[in-house]
């Protein structure tokens, strides 16, 4: 925890992150954003030739799609919903009175039809399903979105609102597992190019509760999730900066994603945690970008 806090304090002092008074909710400086933009250009350079269709969704998604996704079964502790005031003038008066005396003014707020996006790919599946069967070659999509996960922390690499860049592949089992392996190889090469030592390890999602332990074990047993780990605030517990996920036909079956021959599509995704990658770069190469090694600057800025 001390290493996390001291790195966070250094980021605040350097003006790279901006304190908002809420753990895990930070502003970013122009310099911080430049590093993310440069890394995204590197992603484009590596993945651009694959011909992915780019889509950009806002950080909120359709609540009905969110409910259907099953996210609340697995990760209720991480979800964020959008609530608004829907009351009368009288309700408004009592809301203002509550605020004035420091009482809870949120009691009368009602859930809207918008939920904060938990992962960049969540709005994609219903969008693609609406188009009908996928072509014989399957589908490949390029996404980037702010995502929300409710896990306040002093660890600067565990933010509540953060950006995720993703490639999502839909097709046959062979097609999507080849895609995932290709990106695992590419991920290691990309990090090497920017001077970061990484390990890739089998992983599981933070499923909730007792039933969640079983889901996590199944996920590991079947090699469904791998993470690319880089030490940021701890050498003993390095941070997942990329993840490589094979969903089998779970999303295909849930959303009605079918291939040209009518069979259920398999899906896989690769995710880049953009803030985490920027933090890894600042941690390893120093807080002054001008002092970074020449080969790293060349890889990022040409």
Protein backbone atom coordinates (compact mmCIF):
# COMPACT_ATOMS: atom_id res chain seq x y z
CA UNK A 1 0.00 0.00 0.00
CA UNK A 2 2.85 2.40 0.83
CA UNK A 3 4.41 1.90 -2.61
CA UNK A 4 1.01 2.54 -4.19
CA UNK A 5 0.44 5.72 -2.18
CA UNK A 6 3.96 7.07 -2.74
CA UNK A 7 3.74 6.51 -6.52
CA UNK A 8 0.31 8.17 -6.52
CA UNK A 9 1.71 11.14 -4.56
CA UNK A 10 4.59 11.48 -7.03
CA UNK A 11 2.13 11.46 -9.94
CA UNK A 12 0.10 14.20 -8.22
CA UNK A 13 3.24 16.26 -7.48
CA UNK A 14 4.40 15.98 -11.09
CA UNK A 15 0.93 17.08 -12.24
CA UNK A 16 0.50 13.92 -14.35
CA UNK A 17 -2.61 12.89 -12.41
CA UNK A 18 -4.99 15.42 -10.85
CA UNK A 19 -6.52 14.71 -7.45
CA UNK A 20 -10.33 14.99 -7.34
CA UNK A 21 -10.74 13.96 -3.70
CA UNK A 22 -12.09 10.52 -4.69
CA UNK A 23 -9.82 7.45 -4.76
CA UNK A 24 -9.57 6.09 -8.29
CA UNK A 25 -11.09 9.16 -9.96
CA UNK A 26 -8.38 11.37 -11.44
CA UNK A 27 -7.86 14.08 -13.97
CA UNK A 28 -4.98 13.61 -16.41
CA UNK A 29 -2.44 16.15 -17.67
CA UNK A 30 -1.76 16.88 -21.32
CA UNK A 31 1.52 14.96 -20.99
CA UNK A 32 -0.26 11.89 -19.62
CA UNK A 33 -2.75 12.05 -22.50
CA UNK A 34 0.08 12.38 -25.04
CA UNK A 35 1.59 9.11 -23.79
CA UNK A 36 -1.78 7.35 -24.15
CA UNK A 37 -2.28 8.83 -27.65
CA UNK A 38 1.21 7.68 -28.67
CA UNK A 39 0.58 4.16 -27.39
CA UNK A 40 -2.74 4.04 -29.22
CA UNK A 41 -0.93 4.95 -32.44
CA UNK A 42 1.38 1.99 -31.75
CA UNK A 43 -1.70 -0.24 -31.35
CA UNK A 44 -3.01 1.08 -34.69
CA UNK A 45 0.34 0.39 -36.33
CA UNK A 46 0.40 -3.22 -35.09
CA UNK A 47 -3.29 -4.03 -35.56
CA UNK A 48 -4.23 -1.67 -38.37
CA UNK A 49 -3.49 -4.12 -41.16
CA UNK A 50 -6.08 -6.61 -39.85
CA UNK A 51 -8.96 -4.55 -41.23
CA UNK A 52 -11.03 -4.23 -38.03
CA UNK A 53 -14.21 -2.15 -38.16
CA UNK A 54 -13.84 0.74 -35.71
CA UNK A 55 -16.73 1.69 -33.40
CA UNK A 56 -16.75 4.13 -30.50
CA UNK A 57 -19.48 3.91 -27.85
CA UNK A 58 -20.04 6.38 -24.99
CA UNK A 59 -19.19 5.36 -21.40
CA UNK A 60 -22.87 4.59 -20.74
CA UNK A 61 -24.84 1.69 -22.22
CA UNK A 62 -28.45 0.58 -22.63
CA UNK A 63 -29.62 -0.80 -19.27
CA UNK A 64 -31.66 -3.58 -20.94
CA UNK A 65 -28.54 -4.83 -22.75
CA UNK A 66 -26.58 -4.62 -19.50
CA UNK A 67 -29.21 -6.71 -17.69
CA UNK A 68 -29.22 -9.32 -20.47
CA UNK A 69 -25.40 -9.53 -20.41
CA UNK A 70 -25.48 -11.26 -17.00
CA UNK A 71 -22.91 -8.84 -15.55
CA UNK A 72 -24.88 -8.54 -12.28
CA UNK A 73 -24.73 -12.31 -11.77
CA UNK A 74 -20.94 -12.27 -11.82
CA UNK A 75 -19.77 -8.78 -10.79
CA UNK A 76 -22.51 -6.92 -8.84
CA UNK A 77 -19.81 -5.30 -6.67
CA UNK A 78 -18.24 -3.51 -9.67
CA UNK A 79 -21.35 -2.20 -11.47
CA UNK A 80 -22.35 1.48 -11.66
CA UNK A 81 -25.85 2.69 -12.54
CA UNK A 82 -27.01 6.18 -13.53
CA UNK A 83 -29.77 7.67 -11.36
CA UNK A 84 -31.66 10.94 -11.80
CA UNK A 85 -34.22 13.08 -10.01
CA UNK A 86 -37.70 12.29 -11.37
CA UNK A 87 -39.86 13.90 -8.68
CA UNK A 88 -42.37 16.75 -8.31
CA UNK A 89 -41.77 20.35 -7.17
CA UNK A 90 -42.58 19.25 -3.64
CA UNK A 91 -39.99 16.46 -3.87
CA UNK A 92 -37.50 19.06 -5.13
CA UNK A 93 -38.11 21.23 -2.07
CA UNK A 94 -37.48 18.32 0.30
CA UNK A 95 -34.36 17.32 -1.69
CA UNK A 96 -32.93 20.82 -1.23
CA UNK A 97 -33.79 20.73 2.49
CA UNK A 98 -31.93 17.41 2.81
CA UNK A 99 -28.87 18.90 1.10
CA UNK A 100 -28.98 21.96 3.32
CA UNK A 101 -28.86 19.98 6.57
CA UNK A 102 -26.44 17.35 5.22
CA UNK A 103 -28.95 14.49 5.04
CA UNK A 104 -28.96 11.89 2.26
CA UNK A 105 -30.53 13.67 -0.73
CA UNK A 106 -30.08 10.67 -3.08
CA UNK A 107 -32.93 8.56 -1.63
CA UNK A 108 -35.48 9.86 -4.13
CA UNK A 109 -33.26 9.34 -7.17
CA UNK A 110 -34.52 6.78 -9.69
CA UNK A 111 -32.57 4.49 -11.99
CA UNK A 112 -32.44 5.71 -15.61
CA UNK A 113 -32.17 3.53 -18.72
CA UNK A 114 -28.39 4.08 -18.75
CA UNK A 115 -25.75 2.01 -16.95
CA UNK A 116 -22.04 2.85 -16.86
CA UNK A 117 -20.16 0.69 -19.36
CA UNK A 118 -18.17 -2.03 -17.51
CA UNK A 119 -16.04 -3.10 -20.51
CA UNK A 120 -15.64 -1.56 -23.96
CA UNK A 121 -17.05 -4.63 -25.75
CA UNK A 122 -20.40 -4.86 -23.91
CA UNK A 123 -22.41 -2.62 -26.28
CA UNK A 124 -20.86 -4.34 -29.33
CA UNK A 125 -22.52 -7.76 -29.13
CA UNK A 126 -26.17 -6.61 -29.37
CA UNK A 127 -25.16 -4.09 -32.06
CA UNK A 128 -23.60 -6.78 -34.28
CA UNK A 129 -26.40 -9.28 -33.54
CA UNK A 130 -28.96 -6.80 -34.99
CA UNK A 131 -27.20 -6.98 -38.37
CA UNK A 132 -28.00 -10.68 -38.85
CA UNK A 133 -25.58 -13.51 -39.58
CA UNK A 134 -21.90 -12.76 -39.70
CA UNK A 135 -20.09 -13.26 -43.03
CA UNK A 136 -18.07 -16.44 -43.62
CA UNK A 137 -14.90 -14.60 -42.52
CA UNK A 138 -16.49 -13.68 -39.16
CA UNK A 139 -16.10 -10.19 -37.70
CA UNK A 140 -13.29 -8.05 -36.28
CA UNK A 141 -13.97 -4.85 -34.34
CA UNK A 142 -11.84 -2.06 -32.86
CA UNK A 143 -13.29 -0.37 -29.75
CA UNK A 144 -12.24 2.24 -27.22
CA UNK A 145 -14.28 3.53 -24.30
CA UNK A 146 -14.13 4.87 -20.79
CA UNK A 147 -15.28 2.06 -18.47
CA UNK A 148 -16.46 2.11 -14.86
CA UNK A 149 -15.72 -0.35 -12.06
CA UNK A 150 -16.58 0.44 -8.46
CA UNK A 151 -13.36 -0.43 -6.67
CA UNK A 152 -11.99 2.69 -4.93
CA UNK A 153 -8.28 2.28 -4.23
CA UNK A 154 -5.10 4.23 -3.48
CA UNK A 155 -3.40 2.18 -6.20
CA UNK A 156 -3.13 4.55 -9.19
CA UNK A 157 -3.30 1.48 -11.47
CA UNK A 158 -6.76 0.61 -10.11
CA UNK A 159 -9.00 3.43 -11.24
CA UNK A 160 -12.79 3.59 -11.15
CA UNK A 161 -13.10 5.34 -14.53
CA UNK A 162 -10.49 4.29 -17.06
CA UNK A 163 -10.07 3.69 -20.77
CA UNK A 164 -10.01 0.32 -22.45
CA UNK A 165 -8.96 -0.25 -26.05
CA UNK A 166 -10.18 -3.56 -27.44
CA UNK A 167 -10.15 -5.74 -30.48
CA UNK A 168 -13.01 -8.24 -30.58
CA UNK A 169 -13.01 -11.20 -32.96
CA UNK A 170 -16.09 -13.27 -33.89
CA UNK A 171 -15.94 -16.49 -35.88
CA UNK A 172 -15.17 -20.19 -35.51
CA UNK A 173 -13.33 -21.55 -32.46
CA UNK A 174 -10.11 -21.93 -34.50
CA UNK A 175 -10.40 -18.44 -35.97
CA UNK A 176 -10.86 -16.63 -32.65
CA UNK A 177 -8.30 -18.66 -30.68
CA UNK A 178 -5.72 -17.98 -33.42
CA UNK A 179 -6.60 -14.27 -33.11
CA UNK A 180 -6.03 -14.41 -29.35
CA UNK A 181 -2.67 -16.18 -29.69
CA UNK A 182 -1.53 -13.70 -32.34
CA UNK A 183 -2.28 -10.79 -29.99
CA UNK A 184 -0.52 -12.48 -27.05
CA UNK A 185 2.62 -12.62 -29.21
CA UNK A 186 2.11 -9.06 -30.43
CA UNK A 187 1.51 -7.76 -26.90
CA UNK A 188 4.87 -9.08 -25.69
CA UNK A 189 6.63 -7.55 -28.74
CA UNK A 190 4.91 -4.17 -28.28
CA UNK A 191 5.91 -3.95 -24.62
CA UNK A 192 9.46 -4.96 -25.47
CA UNK A 193 9.56 -2.11 -28.02
CA UNK A 194 8.66 0.41 -25.28
CA UNK A 195 11.15 -1.04 -22.79
CA UNK A 196 8.76 -2.88 -20.47
CA UNK A 197 9.47 -6.33 -19.01
CA UNK A 198 6.35 -8.44 -18.93
CA UNK A 199 5.08 -11.87 -18.03
CA UNK A 200 1.97 -13.56 -19.39
CA UNK A 201 0.00 -15.66 -16.95
CA UNK A 202 -3.28 -17.52 -16.74
CA UNK A 203 -5.92 -15.48 -14.91
CA UNK A 204 -9.54 -15.25 -13.80
CA UNK A 205 -12.10 -12.48 -13.46
CA UNK A 206 -13.09 -11.23 -9.96
CA UNK A 207 -16.35 -13.22 -9.78
CA UNK A 208 -18.54 -12.45 -6.76
CA UNK A 209 -19.36 -14.74 -3.86
CA UNK A 210 -19.04 -18.47 -3.28
CA UNK A 211 -20.43 -19.46 -6.68
CA UNK A 212 -17.89 -17.01 -8.15
CA UNK A 213 -15.00 -19.11 -6.80
CA UNK A 214 -16.22 -22.03 -8.90
CA UNK A 215 -16.55 -19.83 -12.00
CA UNK A 216 -13.03 -18.48 -11.46
CA UNK A 217 -11.62 -22.02 -11.13
CA UNK A 218 -13.41 -23.13 -14.31
CA UNK A 219 -12.07 -20.10 -16.18
CA UNK A 220 -8.52 -20.97 -15.14
CA UNK A 221 -8.89 -24.71 -15.78
CA UNK A 222 -10.03 -24.03 -19.35
CA UNK A 223 -7.33 -21.40 -20.09
CA UNK A 224 -10.02 -18.88 -21.04
CA UNK A 225 -8.19 -15.79 -19.74
CA UNK A 226 -4.57 -14.72 -19.87
CA UNK A 227 -3.10 -11.44 -18.67
CA UNK A 228 0.03 -9.53 -19.60
CA UNK A 229 1.50 -8.41 -16.27
CA UNK A 230 3.86 -5.48 -15.61
CA UNK A 231 5.12 -4.40 -12.16
CA UNK A 232 3.80 -0.88 -11.42
CA UNK A 233 3.28 -0.50 -7.67
CA UNK A 234 4.47 -3.97 -6.64
CA UNK A 235 6.99 -6.48 -7.98
CA UNK A 236 5.30 -9.31 -6.07
CA UNK A 237 1.87 -8.47 -7.53
CA UNK A 238 2.38 -7.05 -11.03
CA UNK A 239 -0.54 -5.27 -12.71
CA UNK A 240 -2.57 -6.69 -15.60
CA UNK A 241 -2.08 -4.21 -18.46
CA UNK A 242 -3.51 -6.38 -21.24
CA UNK A 243 -5.95 -9.27 -21.16
CA UNK A 244 -6.65 -11.98 -23.72
CA UNK A 245 -10.04 -13.61 -23.34
CA UNK A 246 -11.75 -16.50 -25.10
CA UNK A 247 -15.49 -16.56 -24.39
CA UNK A 248 -16.20 -19.85 -26.24
CA UNK A 249 -19.72 -19.52 -27.67
CA UNK A 250 -21.16 -17.90 -24.51
CA UNK A 251 -21.72 -14.42 -26.01
CA UNK A 252 -22.66 -15.91 -29.37
CA UNK A 253 -25.43 -17.96 -27.76
CA UNK A 254 -26.57 -15.14 -25.45
CA UNK A 255 -26.86 -12.49 -28.18
CA UNK A 256 -27.76 -14.69 -31.16
CA UNK A 257 -24.50 -14.13 -33.02
CA UNK A 258 -24.43 -16.70 -35.82
CA UNK A 259 -22.07 -17.44 -38.66
CA UNK A 260 -23.13 -17.66 -42.31
CA UNK A 261 -23.96 -21.38 -41.97
CA UNK A 262 -26.17 -20.69 -38.93
CA UNK A 263 -23.71 -22.07 -36.34
CA UNK A 264 -23.18 -20.06 -33.15
CA UNK A 265 -20.18 -17.73 -33.33
CA UNK A 266 -17.30 -18.03 -30.88
CA UNK A 267 -15.78 -14.76 -29.63
CA UNK A 268 -12.46 -13.59 -28.21
CA UNK A 269 -11.11 -10.19 -27.24
CA UNK A 270 -7.85 -8.49 -26.44
CA UNK A 271 -8.01 -5.51 -24.08
CA UNK A 272 -5.43 -2.79 -23.41
CA UNK A 273 -5.71 -0.91 -20.11
CA UNK A 274 -4.54 2.46 -21.45
CA UNK A 275 -4.03 4.25 -18.13
CA UNK A 276 -2.21 1.22 -16.74
CA UNK A 277 0.15 1.07 -19.71
CA UNK A 278 0.89 4.81 -19.36
CA UNK A 279 1.52 4.33 -15.61
CA UNK A 280 3.85 1.39 -16.34
CA UNK A 281 5.82 3.62 -18.73
CA UNK A 282 6.07 6.45 -16.17
CA UNK A 283 7.01 3.99 -13.41
CA UNK A 284 9.77 2.31 -15.42
CA UNK A 285 11.18 5.24 -17.40
CA UNK A 286 10.58 8.17 -15.00
CA UNK A 287 8.05 10.98 -14.75
CA UNK A 288 9.81 13.23 -17.29
CA UNK A 289 9.07 11.94 -20.79
CA UNK A 290 11.99 13.93 -22.23
CA UNK A 291 14.37 11.75 -20.18
CA UNK A 292 12.97 8.44 -21.46
CA UNK A 293 15.38 6.17 -23.38
CA UNK A 294 15.76 7.13 -27.05
CA UNK A 295 14.52 3.74 -28.32
CA UNK A 296 11.31 4.05 -26.25
CA UNK A 297 10.67 7.58 -27.49
CA UNK A 298 11.28 6.40 -31.06
CA UNK A 299 8.83 3.49 -30.68
CA UNK A 300 6.16 5.90 -29.37
CA UNK A 301 6.81 9.10 -31.30
CA UNK A 302 8.86 7.98 -34.31
